[in-house]
Protein backbone atom coordinates (compact mmCIF):
# COMPACT_ATOMS: atom_id res chain seq x y z
CA UNK A 1 32.87 -86.87 -15.91
CA UNK A 2 33.03 -87.25 -12.18
CA UNK A 3 31.77 -84.40 -10.11
CA UNK A 4 34.10 -83.05 -7.49
CA UNK A 5 32.68 -82.38 -4.04
CA UNK A 6 34.44 -78.94 -3.79
CA UNK A 7 32.68 -77.36 -6.75
CA UNK A 8 30.81 -74.31 -5.49
CA UNK A 9 32.71 -74.37 -2.22
CA UNK A 10 35.99 -72.61 -1.56
CA UNK A 11 38.11 -74.47 0.97
CA UNK A 12 39.93 -71.25 1.76
CA UNK A 13 36.73 -69.74 3.16
CA UNK A 14 36.81 -72.02 6.16
CA UNK A 15 37.22 -70.05 9.36
CA UNK A 16 40.10 -71.09 11.53
CA UNK A 17 39.38 -70.44 15.16
CA UNK A 18 42.75 -69.47 16.51
CA UNK A 19 45.97 -68.89 14.64
CA UNK A 20 49.34 -67.47 15.66
CA UNK A 21 48.62 -64.56 13.34
CA UNK A 22 45.83 -63.38 15.65
CA UNK A 23 48.47 -62.51 18.25
CA UNK A 24 50.23 -60.25 15.76
CA UNK A 25 47.28 -58.87 13.80
CA UNK A 26 44.05 -58.82 15.82
CA UNK A 27 40.75 -59.55 14.09
CA UNK A 28 38.78 -56.60 12.81
CA UNK A 29 36.40 -55.34 15.43
CA UNK A 30 35.85 -52.44 17.75
CA UNK A 31 39.19 -50.98 18.60
CA UNK A 32 39.89 -49.33 21.91
CA UNK A 33 39.65 -45.56 21.75
CA UNK A 34 42.86 -43.65 22.09
CA UNK A 35 42.81 -40.77 24.53
CA UNK A 36 42.61 -37.50 22.61
CA UNK A 37 45.66 -35.42 23.29
CA UNK A 38 45.28 -31.70 23.20
CA UNK A 39 47.87 -29.83 21.14
CA UNK A 40 50.63 -28.36 23.22
CA UNK A 41 50.75 -24.63 23.68
CA UNK A 42 53.55 -23.19 21.56
CA UNK A 43 56.49 -21.61 23.26
CA UNK A 44 56.58 -17.80 23.63
CA UNK A 45 59.51 -17.63 21.17
CA UNK A 46 57.42 -19.46 18.57
CA UNK A 47 54.48 -17.11 19.11
CA UNK A 48 56.78 -14.06 18.80
CA UNK A 49 58.36 -15.40 15.59
CA UNK A 50 54.91 -16.19 14.16
CA UNK A 51 53.73 -12.64 14.91
CA UNK A 52 56.81 -11.18 13.17
CA UNK A 53 56.33 -13.39 10.12
CA UNK A 54 52.64 -12.48 9.88
CA UNK A 55 53.52 -8.79 10.03
CA UNK A 56 56.08 -9.28 7.24
CA UNK A 57 53.53 -11.15 5.13
CA UNK A 58 51.04 -8.32 5.58
CA UNK A 59 53.66 -5.75 4.55
CA UNK A 60 54.66 -7.76 1.48
CA UNK A 61 51.03 -8.14 0.45
CA UNK A 62 50.71 -4.33 0.63
CA UNK A 63 53.80 -3.90 -1.55
CA UNK A 64 52.49 -6.41 -4.04
CA UNK A 65 49.18 -4.58 -4.40
CA UNK A 66 51.04 -1.26 -4.98
CA UNK A 67 53.19 -2.84 -7.61
CA UNK A 68 50.17 -4.39 -9.31
CA UNK A 69 48.57 -0.93 -9.44
CA UNK A 70 51.69 0.55 -11.01
CA UNK A 71 51.83 -2.24 -13.59
CA UNK A 72 48.22 -1.57 -14.56
CA UNK A 73 49.01 2.17 -14.96
CA UNK A 74 51.99 1.40 -17.20
CA UNK A 75 49.96 -1.05 -19.30
CA UNK A 76 47.33 1.61 -19.92
CA UNK A 77 50.00 4.05 -21.14
CA UNK A 78 51.70 1.61 -23.50
CA UNK A 79 50.08 1.65 -26.96
CA UNK A 80 48.95 -1.70 -28.28
CA UNK A 81 51.32 -3.35 -30.77
CA UNK A 82 50.60 -2.70 -34.45
CA UNK A 83 49.59 -5.59 -36.67
CA UNK A 84 52.27 -6.92 -39.05
CA UNK A 85 50.50 -5.61 -42.15
CA UNK A 86 50.64 -2.07 -40.80
CA UNK A 87 54.36 -2.24 -40.05
CA UNK A 88 55.03 -3.71 -43.56
CA UNK A 89 52.96 -0.99 -45.20
CA UNK A 90 54.97 1.66 -43.34
CA UNK A 91 58.22 0.06 -44.42
CA UNK A 92 57.09 0.04 -48.08
CA UNK A 93 55.85 3.65 -47.91
CA UNK A 94 59.11 4.79 -46.23
CA UNK A 95 61.12 3.01 -48.91
CA UNK A 96 59.56 5.07 -51.73
């Protein structure tokens, strides 16, 4: 068998100095830093609306905690459900 001269070499690894693609997609390298823009100050209407929404959220959280407390009180008062064998036994005894 004849040996080929490209074995072990990849012809696609050859570096091409300049291509038209470099104009569209620059080579990887240090990129120029973008100036950091500070976030704009929100308008007074936005600040006022945000304050109103935060107050409503705080009020709703208070209501939720009150309702959770009431739910826990009700759960304590409700007796646990009877097992099926107890209810069947009561039905049989009541049927006599």
